[in-house]
Amino acid sequence: MESNVTDGEPAIVFSSKVEYGDEPRVELSVPRTWARQVAGGGWAVVAGRSVVDVLEWDDSVTPVRTARVRTALIWADYDARMHGWRAHADTRTCRVAWTSEGTASLVMPWGEPSHA
């Protein structure tokens, strides 16, 4: 895994060349505040997923914790015509839900209630 600083939107690049035997490569593009606020604060991984940015903080508790993050989402599909199994990645904005015991889970956008 590599990370680089960007002035643009945080992002993730994930590539895996299984047919060539190369190791998977993950590259995070993170904001300038990432090293201090996210990694240094212990928020680089939340609920088992890499965090590229913390978008909102919950300051109603001590210590302050994350309320909304941009996280890396990696998924796979099967291409029966040419490539076989393929992996892809992008970032998603997720709300962070906390249990009373202090365990974090991510609420994926498709898990949010609809207000239509």
Protein backbone atom coordinates (compact mmCIF):
# COMPACT_ATOMS: atom_id res chain seq x y z
CA MET A 1 0.00 0.00 0.00
CA GLU A 2 1.24 3.45 -0.91
CA SER A 3 -0.14 6.87 -0.12
CA ASN A 4 0.41 10.25 -1.70
CA VAL A 5 -0.88 13.72 -0.91
CA THR A 6 -3.39 15.32 -3.25
CA ASP A 7 -5.00 18.74 -3.40
CA GLY A 8 -7.97 17.13 -5.17
CA GLU A 9 -10.53 14.64 -3.96
CA PRO A 10 -9.24 11.71 -1.88
CA ALA A 11 -9.22 8.51 -3.92
CA ILE A 12 -8.00 4.93 -4.11
CA VAL A 13 -6.37 2.98 -6.93
CA PHE A 14 -6.39 -0.79 -6.61
CA SER A 15 -4.91 -3.17 -9.14
CA SER A 16 -4.28 -6.86 -9.09
CA LYS A 17 -2.74 -8.75 -12.01
CA VAL A 18 -3.52 -12.30 -10.94
CA GLU A 19 -2.84 -13.68 -14.40
CA TYR A 20 0.73 -12.33 -14.17
CA GLY A 21 1.35 -13.31 -10.56
CA ASP A 22 1.99 -9.74 -9.37
CA GLU A 23 1.05 -8.71 -5.84
CA PRO A 24 -2.00 -6.44 -5.48
CA ARG A 25 -1.19 -2.73 -5.43
CA VAL A 26 -3.15 -0.21 -3.40
CA GLU A 27 -2.50 3.52 -3.70
CA LEU A 28 -4.33 6.03 -1.54
CA SER A 29 -4.52 9.69 -2.56
CA VAL A 30 -5.09 11.55 0.69
CA PRO A 31 -5.50 15.20 1.75
CA ARG A 32 -2.67 17.10 3.43
CA THR A 33 -4.31 16.69 6.84
CA TRP A 34 -4.41 12.87 6.56
CA ALA A 35 -1.09 12.10 8.28
CA ARG A 36 -1.89 14.27 11.30
CA GLN A 37 -5.68 13.89 11.70
CA VAL A 38 -6.38 10.44 10.30
CA ALA A 39 -3.26 8.27 10.60
CA GLY A 40 -1.80 10.13 13.59
CA GLY A 41 -5.18 10.10 15.32
CA GLY A 42 -5.54 6.35 14.86
CA TRP A 43 -8.33 6.56 12.27
CA ALA A 44 -6.50 5.13 9.21
CA VAL A 45 -8.63 1.99 9.50
CA VAL A 46 -12.23 2.04 10.72
CA ALA A 47 -14.30 -1.15 10.85
CA GLY A 48 -11.63 -2.94 8.82
CA ARG A 49 -11.58 -0.45 5.92
CA SER A 50 -8.91 2.08 4.92
CA VAL A 51 -9.96 5.68 5.56
CA VAL A 52 -8.77 8.32 3.09
CA ASP A 53 -10.41 11.25 4.91
CA VAL A 54 -12.48 12.07 7.99
CA LEU A 55 -15.34 14.33 6.90
CA GLU A 56 -17.11 14.87 10.22
CA TRP A 57 -16.19 14.42 13.87
CA ASP A 58 -18.43 13.52 16.80
CA ASP A 59 -17.32 15.89 19.53
CA SER A 60 -20.20 14.98 21.86
CA VAL A 61 -18.00 12.24 23.34
CA THR A 62 -14.51 12.23 24.83
CA PRO A 63 -12.24 11.44 23.17
CA VAL A 64 -13.59 12.84 19.91
CA ARG A 65 -14.33 10.14 17.33
CA THR A 66 -15.26 9.93 13.66
CA ALA A 67 -18.85 10.50 12.53
CA ARG A 68 -18.50 10.38 8.73
CA VAL A 69 -15.55 9.17 6.64
CA ARG A 70 -14.49 8.61 3.06
CA THR A 71 -13.42 4.99 2.92
CA ALA A 72 -11.90 2.64 0.38
CA LEU A 73 -14.30 0.09 -1.05
CA ILE A 74 -12.79 -2.85 -2.91
CA TRP A 75 -15.01 -5.38 -4.67
CA ALA A 76 -14.66 -8.17 -7.22
CA ASP A 77 -16.61 -9.56 -10.13
CA TYR A 78 -16.16 -12.33 -12.65
CA ASP A 79 -15.60 -11.64 -16.37
CA ALA A 80 -16.25 -14.97 -18.10
CA ARG A 81 -15.13 -13.70 -21.50
CA MET A 82 -11.55 -12.55 -21.00
CA HIS A 83 -10.19 -11.72 -17.58
CA GLY A 84 -11.72 -14.07 -15.04
CA TRP A 85 -11.92 -12.61 -11.55
CA ARG A 86 -11.32 -8.86 -11.47
CA ALA A 87 -11.08 -6.48 -8.54
CA HIS A 88 -12.06 -2.80 -8.52
CA ALA A 89 -11.95 0.03 -6.00
CA ASP A 90 -13.34 3.46 -5.35
CA THR A 91 -14.14 5.60 -2.35
CA ARG A 92 -17.46 5.96 -0.59
CA THR A 93 -18.68 8.41 1.98
CA CYS A 94 -20.03 6.49 4.97
CA ARG A 95 -21.56 7.37 8.27
CA VAL A 96 -19.81 5.77 11.25
CA ALA A 97 -22.15 4.07 13.72
CA TRP A 98 -20.88 3.44 17.24
CA THR A 99 -22.08 0.88 19.77
CA SER A 100 -22.34 1.74 23.44
CA GLU A 101 -19.16 -0.35 23.91
CA GLY A 102 -17.25 1.92 21.50
CA THR A 103 -17.11 -0.40 18.48
CA ALA A 104 -17.35 1.33 15.10
CA SER A 105 -19.19 0.08 12.04
CA LEU A 106 -19.61 1.76 8.67
CA VAL A 107 -23.06 2.42 7.25
CA MET A 108 -22.72 2.04 3.48
CA PRO A 109 -24.68 4.53 1.34
CA TRP A 110 -27.12 1.80 0.26
CA GLY A 111 -27.77 1.06 3.95
CA GLU A 112 -29.01 4.59 4.70
CA PRO A 113 -32.76 5.10 5.07
CA SER A 114 -34.50 6.60 2.05
CA HIS A 115 -36.25 9.94 2.53
CA ALA A 116 -37.95 9.99 -0.88
